[in-house]
């Protein structure tokens, strides 16, 4: 049963990673592209870490996965926000006379 759960988590990881990639390709501007990559990428990364922790099967693997997931959810939105501000400022400078 554990192998099935790990396999399903790995498939979900791949599905969300594909969704993030399609969002990067299909969305029209930088802000919406960053939204797809940061939100869906964080979810895909956390699913992969959960699958790895279950596969490891130890308390050490689980605690490392939890720390990595917390780091991922804390840093990805901040990085996307800073990139969005830079893109907005760049577009504002291009449009000014």
PDB file of N, CA and C in Angstrom:
ATOM      1  N   UNK A   1       0.813  -1.197   0.000  1.00  0.00           N
ATOM      2  CA  UNK A   1       0.000   0.000   0.000  1.00  0.00           C
ATOM      3  C   UNK A   1       0.861   1.267   0.000  1.00  0.00           C
ATOM      4  N   UNK A   2       1.990   1.210   0.699  1.00  0.00           N
ATOM      5  CA  UNK A   2       2.873   2.367   0.749  1.00  0.00           C
ATOM      6  C   UNK A   2       3.464   2.675  -0.623  1.00  0.00           C
ATOM      7  N   UNK A   3       3.795   1.637  -1.379  1.00  0.00           N
ATOM      8  CA  UNK A   3       4.356   1.849  -2.710  1.00  0.00           C
ATOM      9  C   UNK A   3       3.337   2.516  -3.634  1.00  0.00           C
ATOM     10  N   UNK A   4       2.069   2.167  -3.488  1.00  0.00           N
ATOM     11  CA  UNK A   4       1.020   2.784  -4.308  1.00  0.00           C
ATOM     12  C   UNK A   4       0.885   4.264  -3.960  1.00  0.00           C
ATOM     13  N   UNK A   5       0.943   4.581  -2.678  1.00  0.00           N
ATOM     14  CA  UNK A   5       0.863   5.970  -2.243  1.00  0.00           C
ATOM     15  C   UNK A   5       2.038   6.781  -2.769  1.00  0.00           C
ATOM     16  N   UNK A   6       3.231   6.215  -2.691  1.00  0.00           N
ATOM     17  CA  UNK A   6       4.418   6.908  -3.193  1.00  0.00           C
ATOM     18  C   UNK A   6       4.314   7.101  -4.699  1.00  0.00           C
ATOM     19  N   UNK A   7       3.828   6.089  -5.402  1.00  0.00           N
ATOM     20  CA  UNK A   7       3.656   6.204  -6.847  1.00  0.00           C
ATOM     21  C   UNK A   7       2.634   7.262  -7.227  1.00  0.00           C
ATOM     22  N   UNK A   8       1.532   7.320  -6.488  1.00  0.00           N
ATOM     23  CA  UNK A   8       0.522   8.345  -6.763  1.00  0.00           C
ATOM     24  C   UNK A   8       1.055   9.747  -6.489  1.00  0.00           C
ATOM     25  N   UNK A   9       1.816   9.891  -5.417  1.00  0.00           N
ATOM     26  CA  UNK A   9       2.421  11.198  -5.132  1.00  0.00           C
ATOM     27  C   UNK A   9       3.410  11.595  -6.225  1.00  0.00           C
ATOM     28  N   UNK A  10       4.165  10.621  -6.725  1.00  0.00           N
ATOM     29  CA  UNK A  10       5.106  10.915  -7.810  1.00  0.00           C
ATOM     30  C   UNK A  10       4.365  11.304  -9.091  1.00  0.00           C
ATOM     31  N   UNK A  11       3.253  10.634  -9.381  1.00  0.00           N
ATOM     32  CA  UNK A  11       2.457  11.003 -10.555  1.00  0.00           C
ATOM     33  C   UNK A  11       1.844  12.391 -10.403  1.00  0.00           C
ATOM     34  N   UNK A  12       1.358  12.701  -9.214  1.00  0.00           N
ATOM     35  CA  UNK A  12       0.824  14.046  -8.970  1.00  0.00           C
ATOM     36  C   UNK A  12       1.913  15.100  -9.111  1.00  0.00           C
ATOM     37  N   UNK A  13       3.109  14.776  -8.643  1.00  0.00           N
ATOM     38  CA  UNK A  13       4.229  15.698  -8.793  1.00  0.00           C
ATOM     39  C   UNK A  13       4.492  15.994 -10.262  1.00  0.00           C
ATOM     40  N   UNK A  14       4.542  14.949 -11.061  1.00  0.00           N
ATOM     41  CA  UNK A  14       4.759  15.136 -12.489  1.00  0.00           C
ATOM     42  C   UNK A  14       3.641  15.915 -13.151  1.00  0.00           C
ATOM     43  N   UNK A  15       2.399  15.649 -12.749  1.00  0.00           N
ATOM     44  CA  UNK A  15       1.267  16.379 -13.320  1.00  0.00           C
ATOM     45  C   UNK A  15       1.304  17.857 -12.989  1.00  0.00           C
ATOM     46  N   UNK A  16       1.607  18.177 -11.749  1.00  0.00           N
ATOM     47  CA  UNK A  16       1.697  19.583 -11.378  1.00  0.00           C
ATOM     48  C   UNK A  16       2.905  20.261 -12.017  1.00  0.00           C
ATOM     49  N   UNK A  17       3.995  19.536 -12.177  1.00  0.00           N
ATOM     50  CA  UNK A  17       5.163  20.114 -12.853  1.00  0.00           C
ATOM     51  C   UNK A  17       4.847  20.405 -14.320  1.00  0.00           C
ATOM     52  N   UNK A  18       4.111  19.509 -14.961  1.00  0.00           N
ATOM     53  CA  UNK A  18       3.695  19.763 -16.343  1.00  0.00           C
ATOM     54  C   UNK A  18       2.758  20.967 -16.407  1.00  0.00           C
ATOM     55  N   UNK A  19       1.845  21.076 -15.450  1.00  0.00           N
ATOM     56  CA  UNK A  19       0.938  22.223 -15.409  1.00  0.00           C
ATOM     57  C   UNK A  19       1.712  23.532 -15.242  1.00  0.00           C
ATOM     58  N   UNK A  20       2.742  23.530 -14.404  1.00  0.00           N
ATOM     59  CA  UNK A  20       3.567  24.734 -14.228  1.00  0.00           C
ATOM     60  C   UNK A  20       4.310  25.068 -15.516  1.00  0.00           C
ATOM     61  N   UNK A  21       4.821  24.050 -16.182  1.00  0.00           N
ATOM     62  CA  UNK A  21       5.512  24.287 -17.448  1.00  0.00           C
ATOM     63  C   UNK A  21       4.585  24.823 -18.523  1.00  0.00           C
ATOM     64  N   UNK A  22       3.377  24.281 -18.589  1.00  0.00           N
ATOM     65  CA  UNK A  22       2.407  24.795 -19.556  1.00  0.00           C
ATOM     66  C   UNK A  22       2.008  26.225 -19.230  1.00  0.00           C
ATOM     67  N   UNK A  23       1.913  26.532 -17.946  1.00  0.00           N
ATOM     68  CA  UNK A  23       1.618  27.904 -17.554  1.00  0.00           C
ATOM     69  C   UNK A  23       2.722  28.866 -17.976  1.00  0.00           C
ATOM     70  N   UNK A  24       3.953  28.424 -17.871  1.00  0.00           N
ATOM     71  CA  UNK A  24       5.063  29.268 -18.316  1.00  0.00           C
ATOM     72  C   UNK A  24       5.024  29.498 -19.822  1.00  0.00           C
ATOM     73  N   UNK A  25       4.601  28.507 -20.547  1.00  0.00           N
ATOM     74  CA  UNK A  25       4.551  28.637 -22.003  1.00  0.00           C
ATOM     75  C   UNK A  25       3.324  29.400 -22.490  1.00  0.00           C
ATOM     76  N   UNK A  26       2.186  29.234 -21.839  1.00  0.00           N
ATOM     77  CA  UNK A  26       0.931  29.736 -22.368  1.00  0.00           C
ATOM     78  C   UNK A  26       0.501  31.103 -21.838  1.00  0.00           C
ATOM     79  N   UNK A  27       0.922  31.471 -20.645  1.00  0.00           N
ATOM     80  CA  UNK A  27       0.449  32.732 -20.088  1.00  0.00           C
ATOM     81  C   UNK A  27       1.103  33.909 -20.797  1.00  0.00           C
ATOM     82  N   UNK A  28       0.364  35.025 -20.924  1.00  0.00           N
ATOM     83  CA  UNK A  28       0.833  36.109 -21.793  1.00  0.00           C
ATOM     84  C   UNK A  28       1.931  37.006 -21.224  1.00  0.00           C
ATOM     85  N   UNK A  29       1.942  37.263 -19.931  1.00  0.00           N
ATOM     86  CA  UNK A  29       2.925  38.211 -19.418  1.00  0.00           C
ATOM     87  C   UNK A  29       3.713  37.611 -18.255  1.00  0.00           C
ATOM     88  N   UNK A  30       4.710  38.354 -17.825  1.00  0.00           N
ATOM     89  CA  UNK A  30       5.638  37.843 -16.810  1.00  0.00           C
ATOM     90  C   UNK A  30       4.965  37.601 -15.464  1.00  0.00           C
ATOM     91  N   UNK A  31       4.012  38.431 -15.106  1.00  0.00           N
ATOM     92  CA  UNK A  31       3.385  38.292 -13.794  1.00  0.00           C
ATOM     93  C   UNK A  31       2.573  37.005 -13.688  1.00  0.00           C
ATOM     94  N   UNK A  32       1.808  36.689 -14.700  1.00  0.00           N
ATOM     95  CA  UNK A  32       1.030  35.457 -14.647  1.00  0.00           C
ATOM     96  C   UNK A  32       1.922  34.229 -14.798  1.00  0.00           C
ATOM     97  N   UNK A  33       3.001  34.348 -15.523  1.00  0.00           N
ATOM     98  CA  UNK A  33       3.954  33.230 -15.630  1.00  0.00           C
ATOM     99  C   UNK A  33       4.590  32.929 -14.281  1.00  0.00           C
ATOM    100  N   UNK A  34       4.963  33.974 -13.569  1.00  0.00           N
ATOM    101  CA  UNK A  34       5.560  33.757 -12.252  1.00  0.00           C
ATOM    102  C   UNK A  34       4.563  33.174 -11.265  1.00  0.00           C
ATOM    103  N   UNK A  35       3.300  33.540 -11.408  1.00  0.00           N
ATOM    104  CA  UNK A  35       2.280  32.972 -10.537  1.00  0.00           C
ATOM    105  C   UNK A  35       2.195  31.464 -10.752  1.00  0.00           C
ATOM    106  N   UNK A  36       2.196  31.040 -12.001  1.00  0.00           N
ATOM    107  CA  UNK A  36       2.121  29.607 -12.303  1.00  0.00           C
ATOM    108  C   UNK A  36       3.353  28.872 -11.792  1.00  0.00           C
ATOM    109  N   UNK A  37       4.500  29.442 -12.017  1.00  0.00           N
ATOM    110  CA  UNK A  37       5.719  28.726 -11.635  1.00  0.00           C
ATOM    111  C   UNK A  37       5.921  28.674 -10.124  1.00  0.00           C
ATOM    112  N   UNK A  38       5.567  29.724  -9.405  1.00  0.00           N
ATOM    113  CA  UNK A  38       5.817  29.713  -7.961  1.00  0.00           C
ATOM    114  C   UNK A  38       4.775  28.900  -7.202  1.00  0.00           C
ATOM    115  N   UNK A  39       3.523  29.090  -7.522  1.00  0.00           N
ATOM    116  CA  UNK A  39       2.481  28.387  -6.760  1.00  0.00           C
ATOM    117  C   UNK A  39       2.459  26.890  -7.085  1.00  0.00           C
ATOM    118  N   UNK A  40       2.380  26.570  -8.349  1.00  0.00           N
ATOM    119  CA  UNK A  40       2.293  25.161  -8.736  1.00  0.00           C
ATOM    120  C   UNK A  40       3.636  24.469  -8.525  1.00  0.00           C
ATOM    121  N   UNK A  41       4.725  25.175  -8.732  1.00  0.00           N
ATOM    122  CA  UNK A  41       6.043  24.592  -8.491  1.00  0.00           C
ATOM    123  C   UNK A  41       6.276  24.258  -7.023  1.00  0.00           C
ATOM    124  N   UNK A  42       5.769  25.107  -6.139  1.00  0.00           N
ATOM    125  CA  UNK A  42       5.887  24.816  -4.709  1.00  0.00           C
ATOM    126  C   UNK A  42       5.094  23.574  -4.337  1.00  0.00           C
ATOM    127  N   UNK A  43       3.920  23.445  -4.905  1.00  0.00           N
ATOM    128  CA  UNK A  43       3.097  22.271  -4.617  1.00  0.00           C
ATOM    129  C   UNK A  43       3.746  21.003  -5.163  1.00  0.00           C
ATOM    130  N   UNK A  44       4.274  21.076  -6.379  1.00  0.00           N
ATOM    131  CA  UNK A  44       4.927  19.899  -6.963  1.00  0.00           C
ATOM    132  C   UNK A  44       6.171  19.510  -6.170  1.00  0.00           C
ATOM    133  N   UNK A  45       6.944  20.492  -5.753  1.00  0.00           N
ATOM    134  CA  UNK A  45       8.132  20.194  -4.960  1.00  0.00           C
ATOM    135  C   UNK A  45       7.793  19.586  -3.613  1.00  0.00           C
ATOM    136  N   UNK A  46       6.732  20.084  -2.988  1.00  0.00           N
ATOM    137  CA  UNK A  46       6.364  19.521  -1.693  1.00  0.00           C
ATOM    138  C   UNK A  46       5.812  18.108  -1.829  1.00  0.00           C
ATOM    139  N   UNK A  47       5.081  17.822  -2.898  1.00  0.00           N
ATOM    140  CA  UNK A  47       4.619  16.451  -3.122  1.00  0.00           C
ATOM    141  C   UNK A  47       5.785  15.504  -3.351  1.00  0.00           C
ATOM    142  N   UNK A  48       6.800  15.963  -4.081  1.00  0.00           N
ATOM    143  CA  UNK A  48       7.982  15.132  -4.306  1.00  0.00           C
ATOM    144  C   UNK A  48       8.726  14.873  -2.998  1.00  0.00           C
ATOM    145  N   UNK A  49       8.807  15.880  -2.148  1.00  0.00           N
ATOM    146  CA  UNK A  49       9.474  15.701  -0.862  1.00  0.00           C
ATOM    147  C   UNK A  49       8.698  14.765   0.058  1.00  0.00           C
ATOM    148  N   UNK A  50       7.371  14.843   0.015  1.00  0.00           N
ATOM    149  CA  UNK A  50       6.570  13.919   0.813  1.00  0.00           C
ATOM    150  C   UNK A  50       6.765  12.489   0.327  1.00  0.00           C
ATOM    151  N   UNK A  51       6.789  12.312  -0.996  1.00  0.00           N
ATOM    152  CA  UNK A  51       7.024  10.969  -1.547  1.00  0.00           C
ATOM    153  C   UNK A  51       8.401  10.451  -1.147  1.00  0.00           C
ATOM    154  N   UNK A  52       9.394  11.308  -1.174  1.00  0.00           N
ATOM    155  CA  UNK A  52      10.742  10.888  -0.783  1.00  0.00           C
ATOM    156  C   UNK A  52      10.806  10.544   0.702  1.00  0.00           C
ATOM    157  N   UNK A  53      10.092  11.307   1.523  1.00  0.00           N
ATOM    158  CA  UNK A  53      10.079  11.024   2.962  1.00  0.00           C
ATOM    159  C   UNK A  53       9.384   9.696   3.248  1.00  0.00           C
ATOM    160  N   UNK A  54       8.300   9.417   2.543  1.00  0.00           N
ATOM    161  CA  UNK A  54       7.619   8.138   2.726  1.00  0.00           C
ATOM    162  C   UNK A  54       8.479   6.977   2.247  1.00  0.00           C
ATOM    163  N   UNK A  55       9.206   7.205   1.165  1.00  0.00           N
ATOM    164  CA  UNK A  55      10.088   6.165   0.651  1.00  0.00           C
ATOM    165  C   UNK A  55      11.259   5.919   1.591  1.00  0.00           C
ATOM    166  N   UNK A  56      11.768   6.986   2.204  1.00  0.00           N
ATOM    167  CA  UNK A  56      12.855   6.834   3.169  1.00  0.00           C
ATOM    168  C   UNK A  56      12.406   6.075   4.409  1.00  0.00           C
ATOM    169  N   UNK A  57      11.225   6.393   4.887  1.00  0.00           N
ATOM    170  CA  UNK A  57      10.628   5.656   5.978  1.00  0.00           C
ATOM    171  C   UNK A  57      11.208   5.898   7.355  1.00  0.00           C
ATOM    172  N   UNK A  58      12.043   6.902   7.512  1.00  0.00           N
ATOM    173  CA  UNK A  58      12.625   7.176   8.823  1.00  0.00           C
ATOM    174  C   UNK A  58      12.166   8.540   9.320  1.00  0.00           C
ATOM    175  N   UNK A  59      12.322   8.754  10.593  1.00  0.00           N
ATOM    176  CA  UNK A  59      11.978  10.046  11.187  1.00  0.00           C
ATOM    177  C   UNK A  59      12.904  11.139  10.657  1.00  0.00           C
ATOM    178  N   UNK A  60      14.147  10.796  10.411  1.00  0.00           N
ATOM    179  CA  UNK A  60      15.101  11.759   9.868  1.00  0.00           C
ATOM    180  C   UNK A  60      14.673  12.234   8.481  1.00  0.00           C
ATOM    181  N   UNK A  61      14.239  11.318   7.634  1.00  0.00           N
ATOM    182  CA  UNK A  61      13.785  11.693   6.289  1.00  0.00           C
ATOM    183  C   UNK A  61      12.534  12.554   6.361  1.00  0.00           C
ATOM    184  N   UNK A  62      11.625  12.233   7.259  1.00  0.00           N
ATOM    185  CA  UNK A  62      10.401  13.012   7.401  1.00  0.00           C
ATOM    186  C   UNK A  62      10.683  14.415   7.917  1.00  0.00           C
ATOM    187  N   UNK A  63      11.574  14.524   8.896  1.00  0.00           N
ATOM    188  CA  UNK A  63      11.883  15.852   9.437  1.00  0.00           C
ATOM    189  C   UNK A  63      12.611  16.715   8.412  1.00  0.00           C
ATOM    190  N   UNK A  64      13.486  16.114   7.637  1.00  0.00           N
ATOM    191  CA  UNK A  64      14.162  16.875   6.574  1.00  0.00           C
ATOM    192  C   UNK A  64      13.181  17.323   5.506  1.00  0.00           C
ATOM    193  N   UNK A  65      12.233  16.476   5.181  1.00  0.00           N
ATOM    194  CA  UNK A  65      11.225  16.844   4.183  1.00  0.00           C
ATOM    195  C   UNK A  65      10.355  17.984   4.696  1.00  0.00           C
ATOM    196  N   UNK A  66       9.979  17.942   5.959  1.00  0.00           N
ATOM    197  CA  UNK A  66       9.154  19.007   6.528  1.00  0.00           C
ATOM    198  C   UNK A  66       9.908  20.332   6.533  1.00  0.00           C
ATOM    199  N   UNK A  67      11.178  20.295   6.875  1.00  0.00           N
ATOM    200  CA  UNK A  67      11.990  21.521   6.865  1.00  0.00           C
ATOM    201  C   UNK A  67      12.132  22.056   5.444  1.00  0.00           C
ATOM    202  N   UNK A  68      12.358  21.176   4.487  1.00  0.00           N
ATOM    203  CA  UNK A  68      12.502  21.605   3.097  1.00  0.00           C
ATOM    204  C   UNK A  68      11.188  22.170   2.548  1.00  0.00           C
ATOM    205  N   UNK A  69      10.063  21.570   2.912  1.00  0.00           N
ATOM    206  CA  UNK A  69       8.767  22.079   2.466  1.00  0.00           C
ATOM    207  C   UNK A  69       8.495  23.454   3.063  1.00  0.00           C
ATOM    208  N   UNK A  70       8.807  23.629   4.331  1.00  0.00           N
ATOM    209  CA  UNK A  70       8.635  24.939   4.958  1.00  0.00           C
ATOM    210  C   UNK A  70       9.507  25.985   4.274  1.00  0.00           C
ATOM    211  N   UNK A  71      10.751  25.630   3.990  1.00  0.00           N
ATOM    212  CA  UNK A  71      11.644  26.544   3.292  1.00  0.00           C
ATOM    213  C   UNK A  71      11.105  26.876   1.905  1.00  0.00           C
ATOM    214  N   UNK A  72      10.584  25.879   1.220  1.00  0.00           N
ATOM    215  CA  UNK A  72      10.039  26.081  -0.125  1.00  0.00           C
ATOM    216  C   UNK A  72       8.841  27.018  -0.100  1.00  0.00           C
ATOM    217  N   UNK A  73       7.924  26.816   0.848  1.00  0.00           N
ATOM    218  CA  UNK A  73       6.751  27.664   0.919  1.00  0.00           C
ATOM    219  C   UNK A  73       7.051  29.057   1.456  1.00  0.00           C
ATOM    220  N   UNK A  74       8.171  29.228   2.135  1.00  0.00           N
ATOM    221  CA  UNK A  74       8.544  30.568   2.598  1.00  0.00           C
ATOM    222  C   UNK A  74       9.301  31.351   1.532  1.00  0.00           C
ATOM    223  N   UNK A  75      10.136  30.685   0.744  1.00  0.00           N
ATOM    224  CA  UNK A  75      10.992  31.411  -0.186  1.00  0.00           C
ATOM    225  C   UNK A  75      10.403  31.583  -1.579  1.00  0.00           C
ATOM    226  N   UNK A  76       9.619  30.660  -2.068  1.00  0.00           N
ATOM    227  CA  UNK A  76       9.090  30.760  -3.434  1.00  0.00           C
ATOM    228  C   UNK A  76       8.176  31.972  -3.620  1.00  0.00           C
ATOM    229  N   UNK A  77       7.239  32.245  -2.725  1.00  0.00           N
ATOM    230  CA  UNK A  77       6.410  33.447  -2.922  1.00  0.00           C
ATOM    231  C   UNK A  77       7.203  34.750  -2.803  1.00  0.00           C
ATOM    232  N   UNK A  78       8.194  34.766  -1.934  1.00  0.00           N
ATOM    233  CA  UNK A  78       9.005  35.976  -1.791  1.00  0.00           C
ATOM    234  C   UNK A  78       9.823  36.225  -3.057  1.00  0.00           C
ATOM    235  N   UNK A  79      10.417  35.165  -3.586  1.00  0.00           N
ATOM    236  CA  UNK A  79      11.169  35.303  -4.830  1.00  0.00           C
ATOM    237  C   UNK A  79      10.292  35.721  -5.988  1.00  0.00           C
ATOM    238  N   UNK A  80       9.099  35.161  -6.085  1.00  0.00           N
ATOM    239  CA  UNK A  80       8.172  35.537  -7.156  1.00  0.00           C
ATOM    240  C   UNK A  80       7.733  36.991  -7.002  1.00  0.00           C
ATOM    241  N   UNK A  81       7.521  37.423  -5.772  1.00  0.00           N
ATOM    242  CA  UNK A  81       7.136  38.813  -5.535  1.00  0.00           C
ATOM    243  C   UNK A  81       8.237  39.775  -5.968  1.00  0.00           C
ATOM    244  N   UNK A  82       9.468  39.458  -5.623  1.00  0.00           N
ATOM    245  CA  UNK A  82      10.579  40.340  -6.009  1.00  0.00           C
ATOM    246  C   UNK A  82      10.769  40.367  -7.521  1.00  0.00           C
ATOM    247  N   UNK A  83      10.617  39.227  -8.169  1.00  0.00           N
ATOM    248  CA  UNK A  83      10.706  39.201  -9.633  1.00  0.00           C
ATOM    249  C   UNK A  83       9.559  39.983 -10.271  1.00  0.00           C
ATOM    250  N   UNK A  84       8.384  39.903  -9.702  1.00  0.00           N
ATOM    251  CA  UNK A  84       7.240  40.652 -10.229  1.00  0.00           C
ATOM    252  C   UNK A  84       7.462  42.154 -10.084  1.00  0.00           C
ATOM    253  N   UNK A  85       8.019  42.572  -8.961  1.00  0.00           N
ATOM    254  CA  UNK A  85       8.311  44.000  -8.792  1.00  0.00           C
ATOM    255  C   UNK A  85       9.332  44.476  -9.805  1.00  0.00           C
ATOM    256  N   UNK A  86      10.353  43.650 -10.042  1.00  0.00           N
ATOM    257  CA  UNK A  86      11.364  44.034 -11.025  1.00  0.00           C
ATOM    258  C   UNK A  86      10.770  44.113 -12.422  1.00  0.00           C
ATOM    259  N   UNK A  87       9.905  43.174 -12.775  1.00  0.00           N
ATOM    260  CA  UNK A  87       9.269  43.201 -14.095  1.00  0.00           C
ATOM    261  C   UNK A  87       8.343  44.398 -14.231  1.00  0.00           C
ATOM    262  N   UNK A  88       7.608  44.725 -13.174  1.00  0.00           N
ATOM    263  CA  UNK A  88       6.711  45.880 -13.221  1.00  0.00           C
ATOM    264  C   UNK A  88       7.505  47.173 -13.360  1.00  0.00           C
ATOM    265  N   UNK A  89       8.596  47.277 -12.663  1.00  0.00           N
ATOM    266  CA  UNK A  89       9.419  48.489 -12.780  1.00  0.00           C
ATOM    267  C   UNK A  89      10.058  48.596 -14.161  1.00  0.00           C
ATOM    268  N   UNK A  90      10.454  47.481 -14.706  1.00  0.00           N
ATOM    269  CA  UNK A  90      11.050  47.486 -16.040  1.00  0.00           C
ATOM    270  C   UNK A  90      10.016  47.920 -17.080  1.00  0.00           C
ATOM    271  N   UNK A  91       8.792  47.427 -16.962  1.00  0.00           N
ATOM    272  CA  UNK A  91       7.729  47.821 -17.895  1.00  0.00           C
ATOM    273  C   UNK A  91       7.359  49.286 -17.714  1.00  0.00           C
ATOM    274  N   UNK A  92       7.389  49.785 -16.476  1.00  0.00           N
ATOM    275  CA  UNK A  92       7.068  51.183 -16.225  1.00  0.00           C
ATOM    276  C   UNK A  92       8.124  52.098 -16.831  1.00  0.00           C
ATOM    277  N   UNK A  93       9.392  51.691 -16.775  1.00  0.00           N
ATOM    278  CA  UNK A  93      10.449  52.507 -17.370  1.00  0.00           C
ATOM    279  C   UNK A  93      10.366  52.510 -18.885  1.00  0.00           C
ATOM    280  N   UNK A  94       9.947  51.406 -19.476  1.00  0.00           N
ATOM    281  CA  UNK A  94       9.815  51.344 -20.931  1.00  0.00           C
ATOM    282  C   UNK A  94       8.664  52.208 -21.428  1.00  0.00           C
ATOM    283  N   UNK A  95       7.588  52.324 -20.666  1.00  0.00           N
ATOM    284  CA  UNK A  95       6.400  53.056 -21.095  1.00  0.00           C
ATOM    285  C   UNK A  95       6.495  54.546 -20.812  1.00  0.00           C
ATOM    286  N   UNK A  96       7.401  54.969 -19.955  1.00  0.00           N
ATOM    287  CA  UNK A  96       7.502  56.393 -19.629  1.00  0.00           C
ATOM    288  C   UNK A  96       8.146  57.145 -20.795  1.00  0.00           C
ATOM    289  N   UNK A  97       7.707  58.391 -21.012  1.00  0.00           N
ATOM    290  CA  UNK A  97       8.221  59.168 -22.163  1.00  0.00           C
ATOM    291  C   UNK A  97       9.589  59.669 -22.021  1.00  0.00           C
TER     292      UNK A  97
END
